[in-house]
């Protein structure tokens, strides 16, 4: 059945007797867009998301509204579109954006859960970027920063070792040359 979580118990029977039960979990739930990114440029708002990989996906629906409004505005987009630019709506207003997928299964239309909402304030002064997973973005940046720093430190150590080896070879050769003369 569609849109169901299953837990199936499995255990082996051998000559020694029955083994322990192991639970295997499976799901037929629709995928959810988890990484909605909203970027504010000078005169346009860019909304991006990672495409859903599902054969029955028929469209995406982008929803947005001012935070003080009750009803979302909607834009229906084909599955090939995973980024859209909107003209700046209104400056110095806070907006909420979210997106979801529409699926057609056995001629019945289903909607996935909405992405985590992204709330942004469109200022007239500076461009910015917000994401539905901003806390993860910060930790990813930290990991990348540590990796780059590690590469720099290792490269520096290797260069220093090479320099010391060359210096030692030069110092060792000089006494031998003096012995010959």
N, C-alpha and C. Protein backbone atom coordinates (compact mmCIF):
# COMPACT_ATOMS: atom_id res chain seq x y z
N UNK A 1 0.84 -1.18 0.00
CA UNK A 1 0.00 0.00 0.00
C UNK A 1 0.89 1.25 0.00
N UNK A 2 0.49 2.25 -0.78
CA UNK A 2 1.26 3.50 -0.83
C UNK A 2 1.15 4.25 0.49
N UNK A 3 2.18 5.05 0.79
CA UNK A 3 2.23 5.94 1.94
C UNK A 3 2.12 5.19 3.26
N UNK A 4 2.86 4.09 3.37
CA UNK A 4 2.82 3.25 4.56
C UNK A 4 4.23 2.91 5.01
N UNK A 5 4.44 2.87 6.30
CA UNK A 5 5.69 2.36 6.87
C UNK A 5 5.45 0.91 7.28
N UNK A 6 6.41 0.04 6.98
CA UNK A 6 6.31 -1.36 7.34
C UNK A 6 7.47 -1.74 8.25
N UNK A 7 7.21 -2.60 9.23
CA UNK A 7 8.26 -3.23 10.01
C UNK A 7 8.03 -4.74 9.87
N UNK A 8 9.04 -5.43 9.36
CA UNK A 8 8.93 -6.87 9.12
C UNK A 8 9.94 -7.57 10.02
N UNK A 9 9.49 -8.57 10.76
CA UNK A 9 10.37 -9.34 11.64
C UNK A 9 10.90 -10.55 10.90
N UNK A 10 12.20 -10.79 11.03
CA UNK A 10 12.85 -11.92 10.36
C UNK A 10 13.74 -12.63 11.37
N UNK A 11 13.76 -13.98 11.31
CA UNK A 11 14.72 -14.73 12.10
C UNK A 11 15.03 -16.04 11.38
N UNK A 12 16.23 -16.52 11.58
CA UNK A 12 16.68 -17.75 10.93
C UNK A 12 16.44 -18.94 11.85
N UNK A 13 16.13 -20.08 11.22
CA UNK A 13 16.01 -21.35 11.95
C UNK A 13 17.13 -22.26 11.46
N UNK A 14 17.97 -22.73 12.37
CA UNK A 14 19.05 -23.63 12.01
C UNK A 14 18.92 -24.91 12.86
N UNK A 15 19.89 -25.78 12.71
CA UNK A 15 19.90 -27.01 13.50
C UNK A 15 19.94 -26.68 14.99
N UNK A 16 20.61 -25.59 15.32
CA UNK A 16 20.73 -25.18 16.72
C UNK A 16 19.43 -24.60 17.26
N UNK A 17 18.48 -24.34 16.39
CA UNK A 17 17.20 -23.78 16.82
C UNK A 17 16.97 -22.41 16.21
N UNK A 18 15.90 -21.75 16.64
CA UNK A 18 15.58 -20.42 16.07
C UNK A 18 16.55 -19.36 16.58
N UNK A 19 16.87 -18.41 15.67
CA UNK A 19 17.74 -17.29 16.02
C UNK A 19 16.94 -16.14 16.59
N UNK A 20 17.61 -15.02 16.79
CA UNK A 20 16.97 -13.82 17.32
C UNK A 20 16.17 -13.12 16.21
N UNK A 21 15.12 -12.45 16.60
CA UNK A 21 14.33 -11.67 15.65
C UNK A 21 15.09 -10.41 15.27
N UNK A 22 15.04 -10.06 14.00
CA UNK A 22 15.62 -8.82 13.50
C UNK A 22 14.50 -8.06 12.79
N UNK A 23 14.33 -6.78 13.12
CA UNK A 23 13.31 -5.97 12.46
C UNK A 23 13.90 -5.29 11.23
N UNK A 24 13.20 -5.40 10.13
CA UNK A 24 13.58 -4.70 8.89
C UNK A 24 12.47 -3.70 8.62
N UNK A 25 12.87 -2.44 8.41
CA UNK A 25 11.87 -1.40 8.18
C UNK A 25 11.89 -0.98 6.72
N UNK A 26 10.71 -0.79 6.17
CA UNK A 26 10.56 -0.33 4.79
C UNK A 26 9.47 0.73 4.76
N UNK A 27 9.52 1.57 3.74
CA UNK A 27 8.57 2.66 3.66
C UNK A 27 8.15 2.88 2.22
N UNK A 28 6.90 3.22 2.04
CA UNK A 28 6.42 3.63 0.72
C UNK A 28 5.99 5.09 0.75
N UNK A 29 6.54 5.84 1.72
CA UNK A 29 6.22 7.26 1.82
C UNK A 29 6.89 8.03 0.69
N UNK A 30 6.30 9.14 0.31
CA UNK A 30 6.87 9.97 -0.75
C UNK A 30 8.07 10.75 -0.22
N UNK A 31 9.06 10.98 -1.07
CA UNK A 31 10.23 11.76 -0.62
C UNK A 31 9.85 13.21 -0.34
N UNK A 32 10.62 13.83 0.54
CA UNK A 32 10.38 15.22 0.93
C UNK A 32 11.60 16.05 0.57
N UNK A 33 11.38 17.24 0.06
CA UNK A 33 12.48 18.17 -0.23
C UNK A 33 12.97 18.72 1.09
N UNK A 34 14.26 18.50 1.40
CA UNK A 34 14.80 18.90 2.69
C UNK A 34 15.72 20.09 2.61
N UNK A 35 16.15 20.47 1.43
CA UNK A 35 17.19 21.50 1.32
C UNK A 35 16.77 22.66 0.43
N UNK A 36 15.77 23.35 0.85
CA UNK A 36 15.31 24.55 0.15
C UNK A 36 16.26 25.70 0.48
N UNK A 37 16.75 26.40 -0.56
CA UNK A 37 17.67 27.52 -0.36
C UNK A 37 17.07 28.76 -1.02
N UNK A 38 17.03 29.84 -0.27
CA UNK A 38 16.50 31.10 -0.77
C UNK A 38 17.64 32.11 -0.75
N UNK A 39 17.94 32.67 -1.93
CA UNK A 39 19.02 33.65 -2.06
C UNK A 39 18.42 34.97 -2.53
N UNK A 40 18.75 36.03 -1.82
CA UNK A 40 18.23 37.35 -2.16
C UNK A 40 19.35 38.14 -2.83
N UNK A 41 19.12 38.53 -4.07
CA UNK A 41 20.07 39.37 -4.79
C UNK A 41 19.49 40.78 -4.81
N UNK A 42 20.07 41.66 -5.61
CA UNK A 42 19.62 43.06 -5.59
C UNK A 42 18.16 43.23 -5.97
N UNK A 43 17.73 42.58 -7.06
CA UNK A 43 16.37 42.81 -7.53
C UNK A 43 15.60 41.51 -7.79
N UNK A 44 16.10 40.40 -7.24
CA UNK A 44 15.45 39.11 -7.49
C UNK A 44 15.68 38.17 -6.31
N UNK A 45 14.71 37.30 -6.07
CA UNK A 45 14.83 36.26 -5.06
C UNK A 45 14.97 34.94 -5.81
N UNK A 46 16.06 34.19 -5.55
CA UNK A 46 16.30 32.91 -6.20
C UNK A 46 15.97 31.81 -5.21
N UNK A 47 15.10 30.87 -5.61
CA UNK A 47 14.74 29.74 -4.76
C UNK A 47 15.24 28.47 -5.45
N UNK A 48 16.05 27.67 -4.75
CA UNK A 48 16.64 26.43 -5.28
C UNK A 48 16.31 25.27 -4.37
N UNK A 49 16.25 24.07 -4.95
CA UNK A 49 16.11 22.86 -4.17
C UNK A 49 16.68 21.69 -4.95
N UNK A 50 17.03 20.63 -4.24
CA UNK A 50 17.54 19.42 -4.87
C UNK A 50 16.36 18.65 -5.44
N UNK A 51 16.47 18.19 -6.69
CA UNK A 51 15.33 17.48 -7.29
C UNK A 51 15.03 16.17 -6.57
N UNK A 52 13.76 15.80 -6.57
CA UNK A 52 13.35 14.52 -6.02
C UNK A 52 13.52 13.46 -7.09
N UNK A 53 14.02 12.30 -6.71
CA UNK A 53 14.24 11.22 -7.66
C UNK A 53 13.11 10.21 -7.51
N UNK A 54 12.04 10.41 -8.25
CA UNK A 54 10.87 9.54 -8.15
C UNK A 54 10.18 9.53 -9.50
N UNK A 55 9.90 8.34 -10.01
CA UNK A 55 9.35 8.23 -11.37
C UNK A 55 7.94 8.79 -11.50
N UNK A 56 7.17 8.81 -10.42
CA UNK A 56 5.80 9.31 -10.49
C UNK A 56 5.68 10.81 -10.19
N UNK A 57 6.81 11.50 -10.00
CA UNK A 57 6.79 12.94 -9.75
C UNK A 57 6.27 13.65 -11.00
N UNK A 58 5.23 14.48 -10.85
CA UNK A 58 4.66 15.17 -12.01
C UNK A 58 4.88 16.68 -11.97
N UNK A 59 5.09 17.26 -10.80
CA UNK A 59 5.37 18.70 -10.73
C UNK A 59 5.85 19.06 -9.33
N UNK A 60 6.36 20.30 -9.22
CA UNK A 60 6.68 20.89 -7.93
C UNK A 60 5.72 22.04 -7.70
N UNK A 61 5.46 22.35 -6.44
CA UNK A 61 4.65 23.51 -6.11
C UNK A 61 5.46 24.36 -5.13
N UNK A 62 5.74 25.60 -5.53
CA UNK A 62 6.41 26.56 -4.66
C UNK A 62 5.33 27.39 -4.00
N UNK A 63 5.42 27.54 -2.69
CA UNK A 63 4.48 28.37 -1.94
C UNK A 63 5.26 29.47 -1.23
N UNK A 64 4.70 30.67 -1.22
CA UNK A 64 5.33 31.76 -0.48
C UNK A 64 4.25 32.72 0.00
N UNK A 65 4.58 33.41 1.09
CA UNK A 65 3.66 34.41 1.65
C UNK A 65 4.42 35.32 2.59
N UNK A 66 3.85 36.46 2.87
CA UNK A 66 4.38 37.30 3.93
C UNK A 66 4.03 36.61 5.25
N UNK A 67 4.90 36.73 6.24
CA UNK A 67 4.66 36.00 7.49
C UNK A 67 3.37 36.42 8.19
N UNK A 68 2.90 37.62 7.93
CA UNK A 68 1.66 38.07 8.58
C UNK A 68 0.41 37.68 7.79
N UNK A 69 0.57 37.02 6.64
CA UNK A 69 -0.58 36.58 5.84
C UNK A 69 -0.95 35.15 6.19
N UNK A 70 -2.18 34.79 5.92
CA UNK A 70 -2.65 33.43 6.20
C UNK A 70 -2.51 32.49 5.00
N UNK A 71 -2.67 33.01 3.80
CA UNK A 71 -2.74 32.17 2.60
C UNK A 71 -1.46 32.30 1.78
N UNK A 72 -0.93 31.14 1.36
CA UNK A 72 0.25 31.11 0.51
C UNK A 72 -0.12 31.40 -0.94
N UNK A 73 0.78 32.07 -1.64
CA UNK A 73 0.71 32.18 -3.10
C UNK A 73 1.37 30.91 -3.64
N UNK A 74 0.88 30.36 -4.74
CA UNK A 74 1.47 29.13 -5.27
C UNK A 74 1.91 29.30 -6.72
N UNK A 75 3.00 28.61 -7.03
CA UNK A 75 3.50 28.54 -8.41
C UNK A 75 3.73 27.07 -8.71
N UNK A 76 3.06 26.55 -9.73
CA UNK A 76 3.23 25.15 -10.14
C UNK A 76 4.32 25.10 -11.19
N UNK A 77 5.30 24.20 -10.97
CA UNK A 77 6.48 24.12 -11.84
C UNK A 77 6.66 22.70 -12.37
N UNK A 78 7.14 22.56 -13.59
CA UNK A 78 7.41 21.21 -14.12
C UNK A 78 8.57 20.57 -13.38
N UNK A 79 8.69 19.25 -13.47
CA UNK A 79 9.72 18.52 -12.72
C UNK A 79 11.14 18.91 -13.15
N UNK A 80 11.28 19.47 -14.35
CA UNK A 80 12.61 19.86 -14.82
C UNK A 80 13.11 21.14 -14.15
N UNK A 81 12.24 21.85 -13.47
CA UNK A 81 12.59 23.13 -12.84
C UNK A 81 12.85 22.90 -11.35
N UNK A 82 14.08 23.19 -10.91
CA UNK A 82 14.43 23.09 -9.48
C UNK A 82 15.03 24.40 -8.97
N UNK A 83 14.81 25.46 -9.74
CA UNK A 83 15.27 26.78 -9.35
C UNK A 83 14.37 27.79 -10.04
N UNK A 84 14.01 28.82 -9.31
CA UNK A 84 13.16 29.85 -9.90
C UNK A 84 13.55 31.20 -9.33
N UNK A 85 13.50 32.21 -10.15
CA UNK A 85 13.76 33.58 -9.72
C UNK A 85 12.46 34.36 -9.68
N UNK A 86 12.23 35.05 -8.58
CA UNK A 86 11.06 35.91 -8.45
C UNK A 86 11.53 37.34 -8.32
N UNK A 87 10.86 38.27 -8.98
CA UNK A 87 11.23 39.67 -8.75
C UNK A 87 11.04 40.00 -7.26
N UNK A 88 11.85 40.91 -6.76
CA UNK A 88 11.71 41.30 -5.36
C UNK A 88 10.26 41.65 -5.10
N UNK A 89 9.71 41.02 -4.10
CA UNK A 89 8.29 41.16 -3.83
C UNK A 89 8.02 42.51 -3.18
N UNK A 90 8.56 42.71 -2.00
CA UNK A 90 8.40 43.97 -1.30
C UNK A 90 9.53 44.07 -0.29
N UNK A 91 10.21 45.22 -0.28
CA UNK A 91 11.35 45.40 0.62
C UNK A 91 10.91 45.51 2.07
N UNK A 92 11.84 45.11 2.95
CA UNK A 92 11.67 45.19 4.40
C UNK A 92 10.44 44.44 4.91
N UNK A 93 10.13 43.33 4.22
CA UNK A 93 9.03 42.46 4.62
C UNK A 93 9.59 41.06 4.80
N UNK A 94 9.09 40.33 5.79
CA UNK A 94 9.52 38.95 6.02
C UNK A 94 8.60 38.00 5.25
N UNK A 95 9.24 37.06 4.51
CA UNK A 95 8.50 36.08 3.70
C UNK A 95 8.85 34.67 4.14
N UNK A 96 7.92 33.76 3.90
CA UNK A 96 8.13 32.33 4.14
C UNK A 96 8.02 31.62 2.80
N UNK A 97 8.98 30.72 2.51
CA UNK A 97 8.98 29.94 1.28
C UNK A 97 9.00 28.46 1.64
N UNK A 98 8.29 27.65 0.87
CA UNK A 98 8.36 26.19 1.01
C UNK A 98 7.98 25.57 -0.33
N UNK A 99 8.38 24.32 -0.52
CA UNK A 99 8.11 23.64 -1.79
C UNK A 99 7.74 22.18 -1.49
N UNK A 100 6.96 21.59 -2.38
CA UNK A 100 6.61 20.18 -2.25
C UNK A 100 6.44 19.57 -3.63
N UNK A 101 6.46 18.24 -3.67
CA UNK A 101 6.30 17.53 -4.93
C UNK A 101 4.87 17.02 -5.07
N UNK A 102 4.42 16.92 -6.33
CA UNK A 102 3.12 16.34 -6.65
C UNK A 102 3.40 15.07 -7.44
N UNK A 103 2.78 13.97 -7.03
CA UNK A 103 2.99 12.67 -7.63
C UNK A 103 1.68 12.13 -8.16
N UNK A 104 1.74 11.45 -9.30
CA UNK A 104 0.56 10.77 -9.83
C UNK A 104 0.85 9.28 -9.81
N UNK A 105 0.08 8.57 -8.98
CA UNK A 105 0.24 7.12 -8.83
C UNK A 105 -1.11 6.47 -9.09
N UNK A 106 -1.15 5.60 -10.11
CA UNK A 106 -2.40 4.95 -10.51
C UNK A 106 -3.50 5.97 -10.77
N UNK A 107 -3.15 7.03 -11.50
CA UNK A 107 -4.07 8.11 -11.87
C UNK A 107 -4.64 8.88 -10.69
N UNK A 108 -4.00 8.80 -9.53
CA UNK A 108 -4.42 9.57 -8.37
C UNK A 108 -3.27 10.50 -8.01
N UNK A 109 -3.60 11.79 -7.75
CA UNK A 109 -2.58 12.78 -7.41
C UNK A 109 -2.36 12.83 -5.91
N UNK A 110 -1.07 12.82 -5.52
CA UNK A 110 -0.69 12.91 -4.11
C UNK A 110 0.31 14.04 -3.94
N UNK A 111 0.28 14.70 -2.79
CA UNK A 111 1.26 15.73 -2.47
C UNK A 111 2.19 15.20 -1.39
N UNK A 112 3.51 15.47 -1.56
CA UNK A 112 4.45 15.12 -0.50
C UNK A 112 4.31 16.13 0.63
N UNK A 113 4.98 15.86 1.73
CA UNK A 113 5.03 16.85 2.80
C UNK A 113 5.75 18.09 2.28
N UNK A 114 5.45 19.23 2.85
CA UNK A 114 6.14 20.47 2.49
C UNK A 114 7.59 20.39 2.99
N UNK A 115 8.47 21.08 2.27
CA UNK A 115 9.85 21.22 2.75
C UNK A 115 9.81 22.02 4.04
N UNK A 116 10.86 21.92 4.85
CA UNK A 116 10.92 22.82 6.00
C UNK A 116 10.86 24.26 5.49
N UNK A 117 10.05 25.11 6.09
CA UNK A 117 9.93 26.48 5.57
C UNK A 117 11.20 27.29 5.78
N UNK A 118 11.45 28.20 4.86
CA UNK A 118 12.57 29.13 4.97
C UNK A 118 11.97 30.52 5.10
N UNK A 119 12.34 31.22 6.16
CA UNK A 119 11.84 32.58 6.41
C UNK A 119 12.98 33.55 6.16
N UNK A 120 12.71 34.56 5.32
CA UNK A 120 13.72 35.57 5.01
C UNK A 120 13.09 36.95 5.05
N UNK A 121 13.91 37.93 5.37
CA UNK A 121 13.48 39.32 5.28
C UNK A 121 14.19 39.93 4.08
N UNK A 122 13.41 40.49 3.20
CA UNK A 122 13.97 41.09 2.00
C UNK A 122 14.30 42.54 2.33
N UNK A 123 15.60 42.80 2.56
CA UNK A 123 16.06 44.15 2.87
C UNK A 123 16.44 44.85 1.58
N UNK A 124 16.35 46.15 1.58
CA UNK A 124 16.73 46.90 0.39
C UNK A 124 18.25 47.08 0.31
N UNK A 125 18.98 46.68 1.36
CA UNK A 125 20.41 46.99 1.41
C UNK A 125 21.33 45.87 0.94
N UNK A 126 21.18 44.64 1.46
CA UNK A 126 22.23 43.67 1.20
C UNK A 126 21.68 42.32 0.75
N UNK A 127 22.42 41.66 -0.18
CA UNK A 127 22.07 40.30 -0.59
C UNK A 127 22.31 39.33 0.56
N UNK A 128 21.55 38.21 0.59
CA UNK A 128 21.76 37.20 1.61
C UNK A 128 21.25 35.85 1.12
N UNK A 129 21.60 34.80 1.85
CA UNK A 129 21.15 33.45 1.53
C UNK A 129 20.64 32.79 2.80
N UNK A 130 19.50 32.10 2.69
CA UNK A 130 18.95 31.34 3.80
C UNK A 130 18.64 29.94 3.31
N UNK A 131 18.62 28.99 4.26
CA UNK A 131 18.41 27.60 3.89
C UNK A 131 17.53 26.92 4.90
N UNK A 132 16.85 25.84 4.46
CA UNK A 132 16.03 25.07 5.38
C UNK A 132 16.89 24.23 6.31
N UNK A 133 18.21 24.14 6.03
CA UNK A 133 19.11 23.38 6.89
C UNK A 133 20.33 24.23 7.23
N UNK A 134 20.10 25.47 7.68
CA UNK A 134 21.21 26.39 7.98
C UNK A 134 22.16 25.83 9.02
N UNK A 135 21.67 25.10 10.02
CA UNK A 135 22.58 24.57 11.04
C UNK A 135 23.51 23.54 10.42
N UNK A 136 23.03 22.76 9.46
CA UNK A 136 23.90 21.79 8.79
C UNK A 136 24.90 22.50 7.90
N UNK A 137 24.49 23.61 7.27
CA UNK A 137 25.40 24.35 6.40
C UNK A 137 26.59 24.85 7.20
N UNK A 138 26.36 25.35 8.42
CA UNK A 138 27.46 25.84 9.25
C UNK A 138 28.43 24.72 9.59
N UNK A 139 27.93 23.55 9.94
CA UNK A 139 28.83 22.45 10.28
C UNK A 139 29.57 21.95 9.05
N UNK A 140 28.94 21.98 7.88
CA UNK A 140 29.62 21.58 6.65
C UNK A 140 30.76 22.53 6.36
N UNK A 141 30.54 23.83 6.54
CA UNK A 141 31.60 24.80 6.32
C UNK A 141 32.76 24.56 7.27
N UNK A 142 32.46 24.22 8.52
CA UNK A 142 33.50 23.95 9.49
C UNK A 142 34.32 22.74 9.09
N UNK A 143 33.66 21.67 8.64
CA UNK A 143 34.37 20.47 8.21
C UNK A 143 35.27 20.76 7.03
N UNK A 144 34.74 21.51 6.04
CA UNK A 144 35.54 21.87 4.87
C UNK A 144 36.72 22.73 5.30
N UNK A 145 36.50 23.68 6.21
CA UNK A 145 37.58 24.54 6.70
C UNK A 145 38.67 23.75 7.40
N UNK A 146 38.27 22.78 8.22
CA UNK A 146 39.25 21.94 8.90
C UNK A 146 40.02 21.09 7.90
N UNK A 147 39.33 20.56 6.88
CA UNK A 147 40.00 19.75 5.86
C UNK A 147 41.03 20.58 5.10
N UNK A 148 40.69 21.80 4.72
CA UNK A 148 41.62 22.67 4.00
C UNK A 148 42.81 23.01 4.89
N UNK A 149 42.55 23.33 6.15
CA UNK A 149 43.63 23.63 7.09
C UNK A 149 44.55 22.43 7.26
N UNK A 150 43.99 21.23 7.34
CA UNK A 150 44.80 20.02 7.47
C UNK A 150 45.71 19.84 6.27
N UNK A 151 45.19 20.07 5.08
CA UNK A 151 45.99 19.94 3.85
C UNK A 151 47.14 20.94 3.87
N UNK A 152 46.87 22.17 4.29
CA UNK A 152 47.92 23.20 4.34
C UNK A 152 48.99 22.80 5.34
N UNK A 153 48.60 22.32 6.52
CA UNK A 153 49.57 21.93 7.54
C UNK A 153 50.42 20.76 7.06
N UNK A 154 49.79 19.74 6.47
CA UNK A 154 50.53 18.58 5.98
C UNK A 154 51.49 18.99 4.87
N UNK A 155 51.05 19.84 3.95
CA UNK A 155 51.92 20.32 2.87
C UNK A 155 53.11 21.07 3.45
N UNK A 156 52.88 21.90 4.44
CA UNK A 156 53.95 22.66 5.08
C UNK A 156 54.96 21.72 5.74
N UNK A 157 54.48 20.68 6.41
CA UNK A 157 55.38 19.72 7.05
C UNK A 157 56.22 19.00 6.01
N UNK A 158 55.60 18.56 4.91
CA UNK A 158 56.34 17.86 3.85
C UNK A 158 57.41 18.77 3.25
N UNK A 159 57.07 20.01 2.97
CA UNK A 159 58.04 20.96 2.41
C UNK A 159 59.20 21.17 3.39
N UNK A 160 58.90 21.30 4.68
CA UNK A 160 59.96 21.46 5.68
C UNK A 160 60.87 20.24 5.76
N UNK A 161 60.30 19.05 5.68
CA UNK A 161 61.11 17.83 5.71
C UNK A 161 62.03 17.78 4.50
N UNK A 162 61.50 18.10 3.32
CA UNK A 162 62.33 18.12 2.11
C UNK A 162 63.47 19.13 2.27
N UNK A 163 63.17 20.31 2.79
CA UNK A 163 64.18 21.33 3.00
C UNK A 163 65.27 20.84 3.96
N UNK A 164 64.87 20.18 5.04
CA UNK A 164 65.85 19.67 6.02
C UNK A 164 66.72 18.58 5.39
N UNK A 165 66.13 17.69 4.60
CA UNK A 165 66.91 16.63 3.94
C UNK A 165 67.93 17.24 2.99
N UNK A 166 67.53 18.21 2.18
CA UNK A 166 68.47 18.88 1.26
C UNK A 166 69.57 19.58 2.04
N UNK A 167 69.23 20.26 3.10
CA UNK A 167 70.21 20.97 3.93
C UNK A 167 71.20 19.98 4.55
N UNK A 168 70.70 18.85 5.04
CA UNK A 168 71.59 17.84 5.62
C UNK A 168 72.54 17.27 4.57
N UNK A 169 72.05 17.03 3.36
CA UNK A 169 72.91 16.51 2.29
C UNK A 169 74.01 17.51 1.96
N UNK A 170 73.66 18.78 1.93
CA UNK A 170 74.67 19.81 1.63
C UNK A 170 75.71 19.85 2.75
N UNK A 171 75.28 19.80 3.99
CA UNK A 171 76.22 19.85 5.12
C UNK A 171 77.08 18.60 5.20
N UNK A 172 76.53 17.47 4.85
CA UNK A 172 77.30 16.22 4.90
C UNK A 172 78.32 16.18 3.78
N UNK A 173 78.03 16.70 2.60
CA UNK A 173 78.95 16.70 1.46
C UNK A 173 80.14 17.61 1.70
N UNK A 174 79.98 18.73 2.34
CA UNK A 174 81.07 19.70 2.52
C UNK A 174 82.23 19.11 3.29
N UNK A 175 82.05 18.39 4.39
CA UNK A 175 83.23 17.83 5.08
C UNK A 175 83.94 16.80 4.20
N UNK A 176 83.23 16.01 3.43
CA UNK A 176 83.86 15.04 2.56
C UNK A 176 84.73 15.72 1.50
N UNK A 177 84.28 16.84 0.96
CA UNK A 177 85.06 17.57 -0.04
C UNK A 177 86.34 18.12 0.59
N UNK A 178 86.29 18.53 1.84
CA UNK A 178 87.48 19.08 2.52
C UNK A 178 88.49 17.97 2.77
N UNK A 179 88.01 16.74 3.03
CA UNK A 179 88.92 15.64 3.27
C UNK A 179 89.72 15.31 2.03
N UNK A 180 89.20 15.43 0.83
CA UNK A 180 89.89 15.12 -0.42
C UNK A 180 91.01 16.10 -0.70
N UNK A 181 90.91 17.34 -0.29
CA UNK A 181 91.93 18.33 -0.63
C UNK A 181 93.08 18.33 0.27
